[in-house]
Amino acid sequence: QNARARGFRRSNGGKYDRQEQVAALQGKEVEVKFADQVKQKARVAVMEADALQPSHHNGQPNVLHFIPEAQPKKRTDEASVVSSENMARNINPEEITSSVTAYTGAPTVNSRGEVIQGNNRSAALKTMWQSHADQAERYKQYLMEHAEEFGLNAEDIARMENPVLVNMADVDDEKAI
């Protein structure tokens, strides 16, 4: 909470500024279901993988994720690391892009690219782009082939280096948490 208020945090001798709003291709409006009575309007969006900020990556807390209260589970255990690595190695584009709930499909992020729900999926997408070029190419091709369904333009996606599809909700920190 203090780090959010001042816009930066210090960790291991370094200063980490909170990421500003990220550039993203904006697609159709969707409603993401978090619980029976909790739904949030969002936009399907495609952003660069480097700007995606899950709460943890490779089993370590991400110093650029400033809403850790939105992630009730610590993702430092071996099972989380193995799960995201397996997902990255065997990406299923259809499964990681489509869903009406926050717990499957595309990760849900705020306008800063900080993950609200879908931290393991987000870590898998980042790992896919960093370490699994064949899977990343398959994923990007899927995004381009299905761009119209998402309310997006395939040519815009083609120009991106490491695109990832998310549900981007325009919410403040309190609402995200």
Protein backbone atom coordinates (compact mmCIF):
# COMPACT_ATOMS: atom_id res chain seq x y z
CA GLN A 1 0.00 0.00 0.00
CA ASN A 2 2.83 2.41 0.84
CA ALA A 3 4.68 1.53 -2.37
CA ARG A 4 1.55 2.20 -4.42
CA ALA A 5 1.05 5.56 -2.71
CA ARG A 6 4.59 6.75 -3.46
CA GLY A 7 4.79 5.10 -6.91
CA PHE A 8 7.94 3.07 -6.29
CA ARG A 9 9.46 0.45 -4.04
CA ARG A 10 12.95 -0.44 -2.98
CA SER A 11 14.13 -4.02 -3.10
CA ASN A 12 17.61 -5.53 -2.79
CA GLY A 13 19.25 -2.12 -3.11
CA GLY A 14 17.30 -1.11 -6.23
CA LYS A 15 14.47 1.35 -6.84
CA TYR A 16 11.54 0.10 -8.92
CA ASP A 17 9.05 2.63 -10.27
CA ARG A 18 5.50 1.52 -10.77
CA GLN A 19 4.69 0.96 -14.41
CA GLU A 20 2.44 3.58 -16.00
CA GLN A 21 -0.53 2.72 -18.21
CA VAL A 22 0.62 0.31 -20.93
CA ALA A 23 0.06 0.62 -24.64
CA ALA A 24 -2.33 -2.04 -25.86
CA LEU A 25 -4.50 -2.80 -28.85
CA GLN A 26 -8.08 -2.49 -27.61
CA GLY A 27 -10.71 -4.96 -28.79
CA LYS A 28 -14.29 -5.75 -27.91
CA GLU A 29 -15.87 -5.18 -24.52
CA VAL A 30 -16.34 -8.28 -22.35
CA GLU A 31 -17.67 -9.00 -18.89
CA VAL A 32 -15.36 -11.03 -16.67
CA LYS A 33 -16.98 -13.09 -13.94
CA PHE A 34 -15.04 -13.31 -10.65
CA ALA A 35 -17.90 -14.81 -8.60
CA ASP A 36 -21.67 -15.26 -8.96
CA GLN A 37 -22.37 -11.67 -8.00
CA VAL A 38 -19.02 -10.14 -8.96
CA LYS A 39 -18.56 -9.20 -12.61
CA GLN A 40 -16.33 -6.57 -14.17
CA LYS A 41 -16.46 -4.95 -17.59
CA ALA A 42 -13.16 -5.12 -19.45
CA ARG A 43 -11.79 -4.93 -22.97
CA VAL A 44 -10.04 -7.71 -24.80
CA ALA A 45 -6.58 -6.25 -25.37
CA VAL A 46 -3.27 -7.31 -26.82
CA MET A 47 -0.15 -5.95 -25.19
CA GLU A 48 3.57 -6.76 -25.27
CA ALA A 49 4.56 -9.61 -22.95
CA ASP A 50 7.31 -7.50 -21.36
CA ALA A 51 4.68 -5.10 -19.98
CA LEU A 52 2.63 -7.92 -18.42
CA GLN A 53 3.27 -7.92 -14.66
CA PRO A 54 2.19 -11.10 -12.81
CA SER A 55 2.58 -11.17 -9.03
CA HIS A 56 5.36 -13.77 -9.35
CA HIS A 57 7.64 -15.04 -12.10
CA ASN A 58 9.87 -18.10 -11.91
CA GLY A 59 8.84 -18.56 -8.29
CA GLN A 60 9.96 -15.07 -7.23
CA PRO A 61 7.78 -12.09 -6.28
CA ASN A 62 7.68 -9.51 -9.09
CA VAL A 63 8.81 -6.11 -7.79
CA LEU A 64 6.88 -4.44 -10.63
CA HIS A 65 3.54 -5.86 -9.45
CA PHE A 66 2.14 -3.27 -7.02
CA ILE A 67 -1.16 -4.97 -6.12
CA PRO A 68 -0.02 -8.15 -4.33
CA GLU A 69 -3.25 -8.16 -2.29
CA ALA A 70 -5.03 -9.12 -5.52
CA GLN A 71 -3.14 -12.44 -5.46
CA PRO A 72 -4.19 -14.50 -2.45
CA LYS A 73 -1.79 -17.34 -3.26
CA LYS A 74 1.97 -17.06 -3.01
CA ARG A 75 3.35 -18.43 -6.28
CA THR A 76 6.77 -19.33 -4.87
CA ASP A 77 6.12 -23.07 -4.61
CA GLU A 78 7.63 -25.57 -7.03
CA ALA A 79 4.18 -26.63 -8.27
CA SER A 80 3.40 -23.10 -9.52
CA VAL A 81 6.75 -22.83 -11.30
CA VAL A 82 6.35 -26.26 -12.92
CA SER A 83 2.75 -25.53 -13.88
CA SER A 84 3.58 -22.27 -15.66
CA GLU A 85 6.59 -23.87 -17.39
CA ASN A 86 4.44 -26.77 -18.63
CA MET A 87 1.83 -24.31 -19.88
CA ALA A 88 4.51 -22.30 -21.71
CA ARG A 89 6.04 -25.42 -23.26
CA ASN A 90 2.67 -26.74 -24.46
CA ILE A 91 0.65 -23.59 -25.10
CA ASN A 92 -3.01 -24.08 -25.98
CA PRO A 93 -3.95 -20.74 -27.57
CA GLU A 94 -7.67 -21.38 -27.58
CA GLU A 95 -7.68 -22.29 -23.88
CA ILE A 96 -5.58 -19.31 -22.77
CA THR A 97 -7.57 -16.72 -24.74
CA SER A 98 -11.25 -17.54 -24.29
CA SER A 99 -13.39 -17.65 -21.17
CA VAL A 100 -16.14 -15.80 -19.36
CA THR A 101 -14.60 -16.30 -15.93
CA ALA A 102 -11.47 -14.76 -14.44
CA TYR A 103 -10.11 -18.18 -13.49
CA THR A 104 -9.57 -19.55 -16.98
CA GLY A 105 -8.71 -18.10 -20.37
CA ALA A 106 -7.03 -14.74 -20.80
CA PRO A 107 -5.51 -13.14 -17.69
CA THR A 108 -7.29 -10.07 -16.33
CA VAL A 109 -5.08 -7.01 -15.82
CA ASN A 110 -5.41 -3.36 -14.90
CA SER A 111 -4.39 -0.59 -17.31
CA ARG A 112 -0.81 -0.80 -15.96
CA GLY A 113 -0.54 -4.44 -17.03
CA GLU A 114 -0.55 -5.65 -13.42
CA VAL A 115 -2.33 -8.98 -13.16
CA ILE A 116 -5.53 -9.01 -11.15
CA GLN A 117 -6.35 -12.65 -11.90
CA GLY A 118 -4.39 -15.20 -13.91
CA ASN A 119 -0.91 -14.86 -12.48
CA ASN A 120 0.22 -18.38 -13.39
CA ARG A 121 -1.17 -17.99 -16.93
CA SER A 122 0.63 -14.64 -17.22
CA ALA A 123 3.91 -16.13 -16.03
CA ALA A 124 3.45 -18.92 -18.59
CA LEU A 125 2.91 -16.41 -21.41
CA LYS A 126 6.04 -14.48 -20.43
CA THR A 127 8.05 -17.72 -20.22
CA MET A 128 6.65 -18.84 -23.58
CA TRP A 129 7.99 -15.68 -25.25
CA GLN A 130 11.34 -15.93 -23.45
CA SER A 131 12.06 -19.64 -23.89
CA HIS A 132 9.70 -21.39 -26.30
CA ALA A 133 9.85 -19.70 -29.72
CA ASP A 134 7.89 -22.44 -31.49
CA GLN A 135 5.00 -22.13 -29.03
CA ALA A 136 5.15 -18.33 -29.16
CA GLU A 137 4.88 -18.38 -32.96
CA ARG A 138 1.88 -20.73 -32.76
CA TYR A 139 0.23 -18.44 -30.20
CA LYS A 140 0.84 -15.29 -32.26
CA GLN A 141 -0.54 -16.99 -35.38
CA TYR A 142 -3.66 -17.95 -33.44
CA LEU A 143 -4.14 -14.36 -32.27
CA MET A 144 -3.88 -13.09 -35.84
CA GLU A 145 -6.24 -15.75 -37.22
CA HIS A 146 -8.85 -14.95 -34.55
CA ALA A 147 -8.28 -11.18 -34.33
CA GLU A 148 -11.70 -10.33 -35.72
CA GLU A 149 -13.43 -12.44 -33.03
CA PHE A 150 -11.60 -10.36 -30.41
CA GLY A 151 -12.51 -7.07 -32.09
CA LEU A 152 -8.90 -6.57 -33.20
CA ASN A 153 -6.94 -6.20 -36.44
CA ALA A 154 -4.59 -9.04 -37.48
CA GLU A 155 -2.12 -6.64 -39.14
CA ASP A 156 -1.73 -4.69 -35.88
CA ILE A 157 -0.98 -7.92 -34.01
CA ALA A 158 1.52 -8.97 -36.71
CA ARG A 159 3.52 -5.79 -36.09
CA MET A 160 3.92 -6.58 -32.38
CA GLU A 161 7.04 -8.36 -31.12
CA ASN A 162 5.64 -10.48 -28.24
CA PRO A 163 1.85 -10.08 -28.14
CA VAL A 164 -0.25 -11.47 -25.31
CA LEU A 165 -4.03 -11.34 -25.10
CA VAL A 166 -5.56 -10.13 -21.84
CA ASN A 167 -8.82 -8.80 -20.46
CA MET A 168 -7.95 -5.22 -19.49
CA ALA A 169 -10.17 -3.74 -16.80
CA ASP A 170 -10.10 0.00 -16.16
CA VAL A 171 -10.23 -0.25 -12.36
CA ASP A 172 -8.44 1.47 -9.51
CA ASP A 173 -6.24 -0.49 -7.10
CA GLU A 174 -8.94 -0.85 -4.46
CA LYS A 175 -11.37 -2.41 -6.94
CA ALA A 176 -8.66 -4.70 -8.34
CA ILE A 177 -7.83 -5.93 -4.86
